[in-house]
Amino acid sequence: MASSSKSRSTTRTSRSSSSSPASTAEAASWYCAVVLLALILLASVRETSLSELDEPFRGNRLLDRPCDEIYIVGEGETLHTISDKCGDPFIVERNPHIHDPDDVFPGLVIKITPSKR
């Protein structure tokens, strides 16, 4: 009987010592997962706040696109709105293919000289 009780205590000791590293590894794994999730969320919040500081959101961002030298007229745009947006009052003079300033349509390719804002 003494040997039986001795073997039980050995079994308990070996079980508790073998489960300790496993539980420590599991705890470390969970800790790493939580830290990683927190870093991802922090980076996401910071990126969102930085982009809001750079440029305020005004309606459709497509309409706020920068003016390049070659410009494609979008839906609802006129030469006047493009001129105001890009700061180029001489659009008609620089584009001899525009005969009538009122005849501007989406997809029309024009050359502009963007202002330096």
PDB file of N, CA and C in Angstrom:
ATOM      1  N   MET A   1       0.798  -1.181   0.000  1.00  0.00           N
ATOM      2  CA  MET A   1       0.000   0.000   0.000  1.00  0.00           C
ATOM      3  C   MET A   1       0.854   1.264   0.000  1.00  0.00           C
ATOM      4  N   ALA A   2       1.968   1.178   0.665  1.00  0.00           N
ATOM      5  CA  ALA A   2       2.857   2.320   0.720  1.00  0.00           C
ATOM      6  C   ALA A   2       3.382   2.643  -0.669  1.00  0.00           C
ATOM      7  N   SER A   3       3.676   1.595  -1.434  1.00  0.00           N
ATOM      8  CA  SER A   3       4.165   1.837  -2.789  1.00  0.00           C
ATOM      9  C   SER A   3       3.064   2.412  -3.666  1.00  0.00           C
ATOM     10  N   SER A   4       1.841   2.012  -3.420  1.00  0.00           N
ATOM     11  CA  SER A   4       0.710   2.536  -4.188  1.00  0.00           C
ATOM     12  C   SER A   4       0.525   4.021  -3.926  1.00  0.00           C
ATOM     13  N   SER A   5       0.605   4.422  -2.681  1.00  0.00           N
ATOM     14  CA  SER A   5       0.446   5.835  -2.361  1.00  0.00           C
ATOM     15  C   SER A   5       1.651   6.627  -2.855  1.00  0.00           C
ATOM     16  N   LYS A   6       2.814   6.019  -2.884  1.00  0.00           N
ATOM     17  CA  LYS A   6       4.005   6.685  -3.388  1.00  0.00           C
ATOM     18  C   LYS A   6       3.886   6.912  -4.903  1.00  0.00           C
ATOM     19  N   SER A   7       3.352   5.936  -5.620  1.00  0.00           N
ATOM     20  CA  SER A   7       3.201   6.088  -7.068  1.00  0.00           C
ATOM     21  C   SER A   7       2.145   7.141  -7.400  1.00  0.00           C
ATOM     22  N   ARG A   8       1.109   7.252  -6.585  1.00  0.00           N
ATOM     23  CA  ARG A   8       0.081   8.285  -6.809  1.00  0.00           C
ATOM     24  C   ARG A   8       0.669   9.681  -6.622  1.00  0.00           C
ATOM     25  N   SER A   9       1.474   9.854  -5.601  1.00  0.00           N
ATOM     26  CA  SER A   9       2.067  11.175  -5.370  1.00  0.00           C
ATOM     27  C   SER A   9       3.051  11.512  -6.490  1.00  0.00           C
ATOM     28  N   THR A  10       3.758  10.517  -7.007  1.00  0.00           N
ATOM     29  CA  THR A  10       4.655  10.752  -8.133  1.00  0.00           C
ATOM     30  C   THR A  10       3.867  11.148  -9.365  1.00  0.00           C
ATOM     31  N   THR A  11       2.728  10.489  -9.597  1.00  0.00           N
ATOM     32  CA  THR A  11       1.879  10.809 -10.737  1.00  0.00           C
ATOM     33  C   THR A  11       1.335  12.231 -10.607  1.00  0.00           C
ATOM     34  N   ARG A  12       0.903  12.615  -9.426  1.00  0.00           N
ATOM     35  CA  ARG A  12       0.383  13.971  -9.210  1.00  0.00           C
ATOM     36  C   ARG A  12       1.474  15.007  -9.441  1.00  0.00           C
ATOM     37  N   THR A  13       2.667  14.714  -8.958  1.00  0.00           N
ATOM     38  CA  THR A  13       3.772  15.641  -9.112  1.00  0.00           C
ATOM     39  C   THR A  13       4.130  15.796 -10.585  1.00  0.00           C
ATOM     40  N   SER A  14       4.179  14.686 -11.318  1.00  0.00           N
ATOM     41  CA  SER A  14       4.535  14.772 -12.728  1.00  0.00           C
ATOM     42  C   SER A  14       3.440  15.475 -13.526  1.00  0.00           C
ATOM     43  N   ARG A  15       2.185  15.293 -13.159  1.00  0.00           N
ATOM     44  CA  ARG A  15       1.090  15.971 -13.857  1.00  0.00           C
ATOM     45  C   ARG A  15       1.133  17.471 -13.616  1.00  0.00           C
ATOM     46  N   SER A  16       1.340  17.867 -12.371  1.00  0.00           N
ATOM     47  CA  SER A  16       1.332  19.292 -12.072  1.00  0.00           C
ATOM     48  C   SER A  16       2.540  19.985 -12.692  1.00  0.00           C
ATOM     49  N   SER A  17       3.673  19.323 -12.752  1.00  0.00           N
ATOM     50  CA  SER A  17       4.851  19.953 -13.342  1.00  0.00           C
ATOM     51  C   SER A  17       4.731  19.994 -14.864  1.00  0.00           C
ATOM     52  N   SER A  18       4.072  19.018 -15.479  1.00  0.00           N
ATOM     53  CA  SER A  18       3.929  19.035 -16.929  1.00  0.00           C
ATOM     54  C   SER A  18       2.849  20.005 -17.376  1.00  0.00           C
ATOM     55  N   SER A  19       1.841  20.275 -16.561  1.00  0.00           N
ATOM     56  CA  SER A  19       0.787  21.206 -16.954  1.00  0.00           C
ATOM     57  C   SER A  19       1.212  22.645 -16.728  1.00  0.00           C
ATOM     58  N   SER A  20       2.167  22.877 -15.890  1.00  0.00           N
ATOM     59  CA  SER A  20       2.633  24.229 -15.606  1.00  0.00           C
ATOM     60  C   SER A  20       3.272  24.886 -16.835  1.00  0.00           C
ATOM     61  N   PRO A  21       4.199  24.244 -17.532  1.00  0.00           N
ATOM     62  CA  PRO A  21       4.754  24.871 -18.740  1.00  0.00           C
ATOM     63  C   PRO A  21       3.693  25.062 -19.828  1.00  0.00           C
ATOM     64  N   ALA A  22       2.775  24.136 -19.932  1.00  0.00           N
ATOM     65  CA  ALA A  22       1.725  24.260 -20.945  1.00  0.00           C
ATOM     66  C   ALA A  22       0.824  25.439 -20.630  1.00  0.00           C
ATOM     67  N   SER A  23       0.447  25.596 -19.369  1.00  0.00           N
ATOM     68  CA  SER A  23      -0.416  26.718 -19.018  1.00  0.00           C
ATOM     69  C   SER A  23       0.329  28.039 -19.142  1.00  0.00           C
ATOM     70  N   THR A  24       1.620  28.027 -18.859  1.00  0.00           N
ATOM     71  CA  THR A  24       2.431  29.236 -19.022  1.00  0.00           C
ATOM     72  C   THR A  24       2.530  29.612 -20.496  1.00  0.00           C
ATOM     73  N   ALA A  25       2.730  28.629 -21.354  1.00  0.00           N
ATOM     74  CA  ALA A  25       2.802  28.879 -22.789  1.00  0.00           C
ATOM     75  C   ALA A  25       1.464  29.383 -23.320  1.00  0.00           C
ATOM     76  N   GLU A  26       0.383  28.812 -22.830  1.00  0.00           N
ATOM     77  CA  GLU A  26      -0.943  29.257 -23.256  1.00  0.00           C
ATOM     78  C   GLU A  26      -1.207  30.690 -22.805  1.00  0.00           C
ATOM     79  N   ALA A  27      -0.831  31.007 -21.577  1.00  0.00           N
ATOM     80  CA  ALA A  27      -1.005  32.371 -21.067  1.00  0.00           C
ATOM     81  C   ALA A  27      -0.168  33.358 -21.873  1.00  0.00           C
ATOM     82  N   ALA A  28       1.062  32.971 -22.189  1.00  0.00           N
ATOM     83  CA  ALA A  28       1.928  33.837 -22.993  1.00  0.00           C
ATOM     84  C   ALA A  28       1.361  34.031 -24.388  1.00  0.00           C
ATOM     85  N   SER A  29       0.788  32.985 -24.939  1.00  0.00           N
ATOM     86  CA  SER A  29       0.169  33.075 -26.261  1.00  0.00           C
ATOM     87  C   SER A  29      -1.003  34.049 -26.248  1.00  0.00           C
ATOM     88  N   TRP A  30      -1.846  33.948 -25.226  1.00  0.00           N
ATOM     89  CA  TRP A  30      -2.979  34.870 -25.111  1.00  0.00           C
ATOM     90  C   TRP A  30      -2.499  36.302 -24.902  1.00  0.00           C
ATOM     91  N   TYR A  31      -1.474  36.472 -24.095  1.00  0.00           N
ATOM     92  CA  TYR A  31      -0.924  37.795 -23.849  1.00  0.00           C
ATOM     93  C   TYR A  31      -0.416  38.413 -25.153  1.00  0.00           C
ATOM     94  N   CYS A  32       0.316  37.636 -25.933  1.00  0.00           N
ATOM     95  CA  CYS A  32       0.828  38.121 -27.218  1.00  0.00           C
ATOM     96  C   CYS A  32      -0.310  38.484 -28.166  1.00  0.00           C
ATOM     97  N   ALA A  33      -1.356  37.677 -28.187  1.00  0.00           N
ATOM     98  CA  ALA A  33      -2.501  37.948 -29.056  1.00  0.00           C
ATOM     99  C   ALA A  33      -3.193  39.248 -28.653  1.00  0.00           C
ATOM    100  N   VAL A  34      -3.349  39.466 -27.370  1.00  0.00           N
ATOM    101  CA  VAL A  34      -4.000  40.694 -26.888  1.00  0.00           C
ATOM    102  C   VAL A  34      -3.142  41.915 -27.201  1.00  0.00           C
ATOM    103  N   VAL A  35      -1.829  41.805 -26.999  1.00  0.00           N
ATOM    104  CA  VAL A  35      -0.927  42.920 -27.301  1.00  0.00           C
ATOM    105  C   VAL A  35      -0.945  43.223 -28.795  1.00  0.00           C
ATOM    106  N   LEU A  36      -0.914  42.208 -29.630  1.00  0.00           N
ATOM    107  CA  LEU A  36      -0.956  42.392 -31.070  1.00  0.00           C
ATOM    108  C   LEU A  36      -2.258  43.066 -31.503  1.00  0.00           C
ATOM    109  N   LEU A  37      -3.372  42.632 -30.959  1.00  0.00           N
ATOM    110  CA  LEU A  37      -4.663  43.239 -31.267  1.00  0.00           C
ATOM    111  C   LEU A  37      -4.691  44.702 -30.837  1.00  0.00           C
ATOM    112  N   ALA A  38      -4.149  45.002 -29.672  1.00  0.00           N
ATOM    113  CA  ALA A  38      -4.106  46.386 -29.191  1.00  0.00           C
ATOM    114  C   ALA A  38      -3.248  47.258 -30.104  1.00  0.00           C
ATOM    115  N   LEU A  39      -2.127  46.738 -30.581  1.00  0.00           N
ATOM    116  CA  LEU A  39      -1.273  47.497 -31.492  1.00  0.00           C
ATOM    117  C   LEU A  39      -1.965  47.763 -32.823  1.00  0.00           C
ATOM    118  N   ILE A  40      -2.676  46.786 -33.330  1.00  0.00           N
ATOM    119  CA  ILE A  40      -3.403  46.959 -34.587  1.00  0.00           C
ATOM    120  C   ILE A  40      -4.483  48.027 -34.430  1.00  0.00           C
ATOM    121  N   LEU A  41      -5.228  47.964 -33.344  1.00  0.00           N
ATOM    122  CA  LEU A  41      -6.267  48.967 -33.108  1.00  0.00           C
ATOM    123  C   LEU A  41      -5.671  50.354 -32.921  1.00  0.00           C
ATOM    124  N   LEU A  42      -4.582  50.455 -32.207  1.00  0.00           N
ATOM    125  CA  LEU A  42      -3.927  51.738 -32.001  1.00  0.00           C
ATOM    126  C   LEU A  42      -3.434  52.323 -33.320  1.00  0.00           C
ATOM    127  N   ALA A  43      -2.832  51.504 -34.149  1.00  0.00           N
ATOM    128  CA  ALA A  43      -2.355  51.969 -35.453  1.00  0.00           C
ATOM    129  C   ALA A  43      -3.520  52.411 -36.330  1.00  0.00           C
ATOM    130  N   SER A  44      -4.616  51.701 -36.276  1.00  0.00           N
ATOM    131  CA  SER A  44      -5.793  52.054 -37.068  1.00  0.00           C
ATOM    132  C   SER A  44      -6.371  53.391 -36.631  1.00  0.00           C
ATOM    133  N   VAL A  45      -6.482  53.592 -35.336  1.00  0.00           N
ATOM    134  CA  VAL A  45      -7.019  54.854 -34.821  1.00  0.00           C
ATOM    135  C   VAL A  45      -6.082  55.999 -35.153  1.00  0.00           C
ATOM    136  N   ARG A  46      -4.795  55.777 -35.006  1.00  0.00           N
ATOM    137  CA  ARG A  46      -3.827  56.840 -35.300  1.00  0.00           C
ATOM    138  C   ARG A  46      -3.842  57.202 -36.779  1.00  0.00           C
ATOM    139  N   GLU A  47      -3.919  56.211 -37.655  1.00  0.00           N
ATOM    140  CA  GLU A  47      -3.952  56.465 -39.093  1.00  0.00           C
ATOM    141  C   GLU A  47      -5.193  57.255 -39.462  1.00  0.00           C
ATOM    142  N   THR A  48      -6.323  56.912 -38.881  1.00  0.00           N
ATOM    143  CA  THR A  48      -7.565  57.633 -39.158  1.00  0.00           C
ATOM    144  C   THR A  48      -7.462  59.074 -38.686  1.00  0.00           C
ATOM    145  N   SER A  49      -6.923  59.293 -37.510  1.00  0.00           N
ATOM    146  CA  SER A  49      -6.836  60.654 -36.983  1.00  0.00           C
ATOM    147  C   SER A  49      -5.838  61.485 -37.776  1.00  0.00           C
ATOM    148  N   LEU A  50      -4.743  60.892 -38.259  1.00  0.00           N
ATOM    149  CA  LEU A  50      -3.777  61.631 -39.061  1.00  0.00           C
ATOM    150  C   LEU A  50      -4.352  62.011 -40.415  1.00  0.00           C
ATOM    151  N   SER A  51      -5.119  61.132 -41.038  1.00  0.00           N
ATOM    152  CA  SER A  51      -5.694  61.458 -42.341  1.00  0.00           C
ATOM    153  C   SER A  51      -6.755  62.540 -42.222  1.00  0.00           C
ATOM    154  N   GLU A  52      -7.446  62.603 -41.085  1.00  0.00           N
ATOM    155  CA  GLU A  52      -8.442  63.656 -40.887  1.00  0.00           C
ATOM    156  C   GLU A  52      -7.766  64.997 -40.686  1.00  0.00           C
ATOM    157  N   LEU A  53      -6.559  65.022 -40.121  1.00  0.00           N
ATOM    158  CA  LEU A  53      -5.849  66.276 -39.926  1.00  0.00           C
ATOM    159  C   LEU A  53      -5.289  66.810 -41.235  1.00  0.00           C
ATOM    160  N   ASP A  54      -4.893  65.919 -42.126  1.00  0.00           N
ATOM    161  CA  ASP A  54      -4.305  66.338 -43.389  1.00  0.00           C
ATOM    162  C   ASP A  54      -5.296  67.105 -44.255  1.00  0.00           C
ATOM    163  N   GLU A  55      -6.479  66.585 -44.386  1.00  0.00           N
ATOM    164  CA  GLU A  55      -7.444  67.159 -45.313  1.00  0.00           C
ATOM    165  C   GLU A  55      -8.848  66.896 -44.797  1.00  0.00           C
ATOM    166  N   PRO A  56      -9.634  67.939 -44.622  1.00  0.00           N
ATOM    167  CA  PRO A  56     -11.009  67.711 -44.156  1.00  0.00           C
ATOM    168  C   PRO A  56     -11.841  67.023 -45.231  1.00  0.00           C
ATOM    169  N   PHE A  57     -12.795  66.259 -44.802  1.00  0.00           N
ATOM    170  CA  PHE A  57     -13.661  65.545 -45.732  1.00  0.00           C
ATOM    171  C   PHE A  57     -14.758  66.486 -46.200  1.00  0.00           C
ATOM    172  N   ARG A  58     -14.790  66.733 -47.493  1.00  0.00           N
ATOM    173  CA  ARG A  58     -15.817  67.600 -48.064  1.00  0.00           C
ATOM    174  C   ARG A  58     -16.542  66.857 -49.168  1.00  0.00           C
ATOM    175  N   GLY A  59     -17.652  66.271 -48.843  1.00  0.00           N
ATOM    176  CA  GLY A  59     -18.464  65.608 -49.866  1.00  0.00           C
ATOM    177  C   GLY A  59     -17.702  64.517 -50.579  1.00  0.00           C
ATOM    178  N   ASN A  60     -17.775  64.517 -51.888  1.00  0.00           N
ATOM    179  CA  ASN A  60     -17.146  63.500 -52.713  1.00  0.00           C
ATOM    180  C   ASN A  60     -15.663  63.793 -52.882  1.00  0.00           C
ATOM    181  N   ARG A  61     -14.796  62.881 -52.470  1.00  0.00           N
ATOM    182  CA  ARG A  61     -13.348  63.102 -52.580  1.00  0.00           C
ATOM    183  C   ARG A  61     -12.894  63.136 -54.036  1.00  0.00           C
ATOM    184  N   LEU A  62     -13.644  62.558 -54.936  1.00  0.00           N
ATOM    185  CA  LEU A  62     -13.279  62.586 -56.345  1.00  0.00           C
ATOM    186  C   LEU A  62     -13.267  64.019 -56.864  1.00  0.00           C
ATOM    187  N   LEU A  63     -14.170  64.857 -56.349  1.00  0.00           N
ATOM    188  CA  LEU A  63     -14.212  66.243 -56.783  1.00  0.00           C
ATOM    189  C   LEU A  63     -13.059  67.052 -56.204  1.00  0.00           C
ATOM    190  N   ASP A  64     -12.425  66.569 -55.157  1.00  0.00           N
ATOM    191  CA  ASP A  64     -11.311  67.269 -54.535  1.00  0.00           C
ATOM    192  C   ASP A  64      -9.966  66.777 -55.047  1.00  0.00           C
ATOM    193  N   ARG A  65      -9.962  66.042 -56.136  1.00  0.00           N
ATOM    194  CA  ARG A  65      -8.698  65.508 -56.636  1.00  0.00           C
ATOM    195  C   ARG A  65      -7.803  66.646 -57.125  1.00  0.00           C
ATOM    196  N   PRO A  66      -6.499  66.458 -57.095  1.00  0.00           N
ATOM    197  CA  PRO A  66      -5.592  67.523 -57.515  1.00  0.00           C
ATOM    198  C   PRO A  66      -5.663  67.745 -59.022  1.00  0.00           C
ATOM    199  N   CYS A  67      -5.273  68.925 -59.440  1.00  0.00           N
ATOM    200  CA  CYS A  67      -5.299  69.275 -60.860  1.00  0.00           C
ATOM    201  C   CYS A  67      -3.951  68.939 -61.481  1.00  0.00           C
ATOM    202  N   ASP A  68      -3.958  68.044 -62.447  1.00  0.00           N
ATOM    203  CA  ASP A  68      -2.752  67.693 -63.178  1.00  0.00           C
ATOM    204  C   ASP A  68      -2.729  68.479 -64.480  1.00  0.00           C
ATOM    205  N   GLU A  69      -1.625  68.374 -65.213  1.00  0.00           N
ATOM    206  CA  GLU A  69      -1.512  69.103 -66.476  1.00  0.00           C
ATOM    207  C   GLU A  69      -2.529  68.606 -67.496  1.00  0.00           C
ATOM    208  N   ILE A  70      -2.774  67.316 -67.511  1.00  0.00           N
ATOM    209  CA  ILE A  70      -3.813  66.744 -68.366  1.00  0.00           C
ATOM    210  C   ILE A  70      -5.006  66.454 -67.469  1.00  0.00           C
ATOM    211  N   TYR A  71      -6.139  67.040 -67.798  1.00  0.00           N
ATOM    212  CA  TYR A  71      -7.320  66.957 -66.935  1.00  0.00           C
ATOM    213  C   TYR A  71      -8.475  66.379 -67.744  1.00  0.00           C
ATOM    214  N   ILE A  72      -9.191  65.442 -67.157  1.00  0.00           N
ATOM    215  CA  ILE A  72     -10.358  64.850 -67.804  1.00  0.00           C
ATOM    216  C   ILE A  72     -11.597  65.383 -67.100  1.00  0.00           C
ATOM    217  N   VAL A  73     -12.464  66.023 -67.873  1.00  0.00           N
ATOM    218  CA  VAL A  73     -13.667  66.645 -67.321  1.00  0.00           C
ATOM    219  C   VAL A  73     -14.589  65.565 -66.779  1.00  0.00           C
ATOM    220  N   GLY A  74     -15.102  65.811 -65.581  1.00  0.00           N
ATOM    221  CA  GLY A  74     -16.013  64.872 -64.936  1.00  0.00           C
ATOM    222  C   GLY A  74     -17.459  65.295 -65.098  1.00  0.00           C
ATOM    223  N   GLU A  75     -18.356  64.441 -64.642  1.00  0.00           N
ATOM    224  CA  GLU A  75     -19.802  64.688 -64.718  1.00  0.00           C
ATOM    225  C   GLU A  75     -20.158  65.950 -63.933  1.00  0.00           C
ATOM    226  N   GLY A  76     -20.855  66.877 -64.569  1.00  0.00           N
ATOM    227  CA  GLY A  76     -21.340  68.085 -63.904  1.00  0.00           C
ATOM    228  C   GLY A  76     -20.326  69.212 -63.827  1.00  0.00           C
ATOM    229  N   GLU A  77     -19.139  69.042 -64.368  1.00  0.00           N
ATOM    230  CA  GLU A  77     -18.126  70.095 -64.314  1.00  0.00           C
ATOM    231  C   GLU A  77     -18.253  71.037 -65.493  1.00  0.00           C
ATOM    232  N   THR A  78     -17.911  72.280 -65.257  1.00  0.00           N
ATOM    233  CA  THR A  78     -17.864  73.287 -66.318  1.00  0.00           C
ATOM    234  C   THR A  78     -16.455  73.858 -66.338  1.00  0.00           C
ATOM    235  N   LEU A  79     -16.139  74.608 -67.380  1.00  0.00           N
ATOM    236  CA  LEU A  79     -14.818  75.231 -67.434  1.00  0.00           C
ATOM    237  C   LEU A  79     -14.640  76.204 -66.272  1.00  0.00           C
ATOM    238  N   HIS A  80     -15.736  76.841 -65.879  1.00  0.00           N
ATOM    239  CA  HIS A  80     -15.664  77.780 -64.757  1.00  0.00           C
ATOM    240  C   HIS A  80     -15.322  77.057 -63.452  1.00  0.00           C
ATOM    241  N   THR A  81     -15.977  75.928 -63.177  1.00  0.00           N
ATOM    242  CA  THR A  81     -15.687  75.200 -61.938  1.00  0.00           C
ATOM    243  C   THR A  81     -14.282  74.614 -61.956  1.00  0.00           C
ATOM    244  N   ILE A  82     -13.831  74.144 -63.128  1.00  0.00           N
ATOM    245  CA  ILE A  82     -12.477  73.611 -63.245  1.00  0.00           C
ATOM    246  C   ILE A  82     -11.454  74.734 -63.055  1.00  0.00           C
ATOM    247  N   SER A  83     -11.732  75.896 -63.634  1.00  0.00           N
ATOM    248  CA  SER A  83     -10.856  77.046 -63.499  1.00  0.00           C
ATOM    249  C   SER A  83     -10.732  77.482 -62.045  1.00  0.00           C
ATOM    250  N   ASP A  84     -11.857  77.515 -61.345  1.00  0.00           N
ATOM    251  CA  ASP A  84     -11.827  77.888 -59.926  1.00  0.00           C
ATOM    252  C   ASP A  84     -11.067  76.845 -59.098  1.00  0.00           C
ATOM    253  N   LYS A  85     -11.308  75.600 -59.394  1.00  0.00           N
ATOM    254  CA  LYS A  85     -10.699  74.511 -58.634  1.00  0.00           C
ATOM    255  C   LYS A  85      -9.193  74.450 -58.849  1.00  0.00           C
ATOM    256  N   CYS A  86      -8.761  74.668 -60.086  1.00  0.00           N
ATOM    257  CA  CYS A  86      -7.345  74.515 -60.421  1.00  0.00           C
ATOM    258  C   CYS A  86      -6.584  75.837 -60.424  1.00  0.00           C
ATOM    259  N   GLY A  87      -7.302  76.937 -60.414  1.00  0.00           N
ATOM    260  CA  GLY A  87      -6.633  78.236 -60.419  1.00  0.00           C
ATOM    261  C   GLY A  87      -6.038  78.585 -61.770  1.00  0.00           C
ATOM    262  N   ASP A  88      -6.636  78.127 -62.850  1.00  0.00           N
ATOM    263  CA  ASP A  88      -6.154  78.431 -64.200  1.00  0.00           C
ATOM    264  C   ASP A  88      -7.249  79.162 -64.971  1.00  0.00           C
ATOM    265  N   PRO A  89      -7.166  80.494 -65.064  1.00  0.00           N
ATOM    266  CA  PRO A  89      -8.201  81.243 -65.767  1.00  0.00           C
ATOM    267  C   PRO A  89      -8.066  81.196 -67.292  1.00  0.00           C
ATOM    268  N   PHE A  90      -7.026  80.567 -67.820  1.00  0.00           N
ATOM    269  CA  PHE A  90      -6.786  80.575 -69.263  1.00  0.00           C
ATOM    270  C   PHE A  90      -6.970  79.208 -69.904  1.00  0.00           C
ATOM    271  N   ILE A  91      -7.953  78.463 -69.461  1.00  0.00           N
ATOM    272  CA  ILE A  91      -8.182  77.114 -69.990  1.00  0.00           C
ATOM    273  C   ILE A  91      -8.542  77.164 -71.473  1.00  0.00           C
ATOM    274  N   VAL A  92      -9.426  78.057 -71.863  1.00  0.00           N
ATOM    275  CA  VAL A  92      -9.864  78.117 -73.268  1.00  0.00           C
ATOM    276  C   VAL A  92      -8.699  78.510 -74.170  1.00  0.00           C
ATOM    277  N   GLU A  93      -7.882  79.461 -73.754  1.00  0.00           N
ATOM    278  CA  GLU A  93      -6.742  79.899 -74.563  1.00  0.00           C
ATOM    279  C   GLU A  93      -5.708  78.794 -74.749  1.00  0.00           C
ATOM    280  N   ARG A  94      -5.555  77.906 -73.781  1.00  0.00           N
ATOM    281  CA  ARG A  94      -4.544  76.852 -73.860  1.00  0.00           C
ATOM    282  C   ARG A  94      -5.064  75.590 -74.543  1.00  0.00           C
ATOM    283  N   ASN A  95      -6.353  75.568 -74.875  1.00  0.00           N
ATOM    284  CA  ASN A  95      -6.961  74.386 -75.499  1.00  0.00           C
ATOM    285  C   ASN A  95      -7.691  74.804 -76.773  1.00  0.00           C
ATOM    286  N   PRO A  96      -6.973  74.854 -77.912  1.00  0.00           N
ATOM    287  CA  PRO A  96      -7.582  75.313 -79.166  1.00  0.00           C
ATOM    288  C   PRO A  96      -8.696  74.389 -79.681  1.00  0.00           C
ATOM    289  N   HIS A  97      -8.766  73.166 -79.183  1.00  0.00           N
ATOM    290  CA  HIS A  97      -9.826  72.258 -79.624  1.00  0.00           C
ATOM    291  C   HIS A  97     -11.167  72.578 -78.960  1.00  0.00           C
ATOM    292  N   ILE A  98     -11.186  73.480 -77.990  1.00  0.00           N
ATOM    293  CA  ILE A  98     -12.454  73.915 -77.384  1.00  0.00           C
ATOM    294  C   ILE A  98     -12.895  75.164 -78.124  1.00  0.00           C
ATOM    295  N   HIS A  99     -13.915  75.010 -78.972  1.00  0.00           N
ATOM    296  CA  HIS A  99     -14.411  76.140 -79.760  1.00  0.00           C
ATOM    297  C   HIS A  99     -15.486  76.900 -79.003  1.00  0.00           C
ATOM    298  N   ASP A 100     -16.297  76.195 -78.242  1.00  0.00           N
ATOM    299  CA  ASP A 100     -17.379  76.817 -77.483  1.00  0.00           C
ATOM    300  C   ASP A 100     -17.192  76.458 -76.005  1.00  0.00           C
ATOM    301  N   PRO A 101     -16.922  77.443 -75.146  1.00  0.00           N
ATOM    302  CA  PRO A 101     -16.713  77.144 -73.722  1.00  0.00           C
ATOM    303  C   PRO A 101     -17.929  76.513 -73.038  1.00  0.00           C
ATOM    304  N   ASP A 102     -19.101  76.668 -73.617  1.00  0.00           N
ATOM    305  CA  ASP A 102     -20.296  76.062 -73.039  1.00  0.00           C
ATOM    306  C   ASP A 102     -20.479  74.608 -73.468  1.00  0.00           C
ATOM    307  N   ASP A 103     -19.696  74.169 -74.453  1.00  0.00           N
ATOM    308  CA  ASP A 103     -19.814  72.805 -74.959  1.00  0.00           C
ATOM    309  C   ASP A 103     -18.735  71.918 -74.328  1.00  0.00           C
ATOM    310  N   VAL A 104     -18.844  71.713 -73.022  1.00  0.00           N
ATOM    311  CA  VAL A 104     -17.911  70.865 -72.280  1.00  0.00           C
ATOM    312  C   VAL A 104     -18.678  69.642 -71.807  1.00  0.00           C
ATOM    313  N   PHE A 105     -18.100  68.475 -71.974  1.00  0.00           N
ATOM    314  CA  PHE A 105     -18.796  67.235 -71.649  1.00  0.00           C
ATOM    315  C   PHE A 105     -17.867  66.316 -70.865  1.00  0.00           C
ATOM    316  N   PRO A 106     -18.445  65.382 -70.108  1.00  0.00           N
ATOM    317  CA  PRO A 106     -17.621  64.437 -69.350  1.00  0.00           C
ATOM    318  C   PRO A 106     -16.741  63.610 -70.276  1.00  0.00           C
ATOM    319  N   GLY A 107     -15.489  63.474 -69.893  1.00  0.00           N
ATOM    320  CA  GLY A 107     -14.536  62.720 -70.694  1.00  0.00           C
ATOM    321  C   GLY A 107     -13.675  63.595 -71.587  1.00  0.00           C
ATOM    322  N   LEU A 108     -14.016  64.878 -71.717  1.00  0.00           N
ATOM    323  CA  LEU A 108     -13.219  65.800 -72.524  1.00  0.00           C
ATOM    324  C   LEU A 108     -11.858  65.981 -71.869  1.00  0.00           C
ATOM    325  N   VAL A 109     -10.803  65.853 -72.673  1.00  0.00           N
ATOM    326  CA  VAL A 109      -9.438  65.996 -72.164  1.00  0.00           C
ATOM    327  C   VAL A 109      -8.973  67.411 -72.440  1.00  0.00           C
ATOM    328  N   ILE A 110      -8.537  68.094 -71.381  1.00  0.00           N
ATOM    329  CA  ILE A 110      -8.053  69.467 -71.542  1.00  0.00           C
ATOM    330  C   ILE A 110      -6.690  69.608 -70.876  1.00  0.00           C
ATOM    331  N   LYS A 111      -5.952  70.613 -71.333  1.00  0.00           N
ATOM    332  CA  LYS A 111      -4.655  70.911 -70.746  1.00  0.00           C
ATOM    333  C   LYS A 111      -4.840  72.109 -69.825  1.00  0.00           C
ATOM    334  N   ILE A 112      -4.315  72.002 -68.618  1.00  0.00           N
ATOM    335  CA  ILE A 112      -4.372  73.130 -67.694  1.00  0.00           C
ATOM    336  C   ILE A 112      -2.991  73.338 -67.095  1.00  0.00           C
ATOM    337  N   THR A 113      -2.797  74.516 -66.587  1.00  0.00           N
ATOM    338  CA  THR A 113      -1.582  74.824 -65.849  1.00  0.00           C
ATOM    339  C   THR A 113      -1.996  75.013 -64.409  1.00  0.00           C
ATOM    340  N   PRO A 114      -1.774  73.981 -63.590  1.00  0.00           N
ATOM    341  CA  PRO A 114      -2.236  74.073 -62.204  1.00  0.00           C
ATOM    342  C   PRO A 114      -1.490  75.144 -61.434  1.00  0.00           C
ATOM    343  N   SER A 115      -2.249  75.817 -60.575  1.00  0.00           N
ATOM    344  CA  SER A 115      -1.624  76.820 -59.715  1.00  0.00           C
ATOM    345  C   SER A 115      -0.944  76.113 -58.562  1.00  0.00           C
ATOM    346  N   LYS A 116       0.016  76.769 -57.984  1.00  0.00           N
ATOM    347  CA  LYS A 116       0.720  76.208 -56.824  1.00  0.00           C
ATOM    348  C   LYS A 116       0.058  76.739 -55.573  1.00  0.00           C
ATOM    349  N   ARG A 117      -0.744  75.890 -54.919  1.00  0.00           N
ATOM    350  CA  ARG A 117      -1.462  76.315 -53.721  1.00  0.00           C
ATOM    351  C   ARG A 117      -0.660  76.029 -52.506  1.00  0.00           C
TER     352      ARG A 117
END
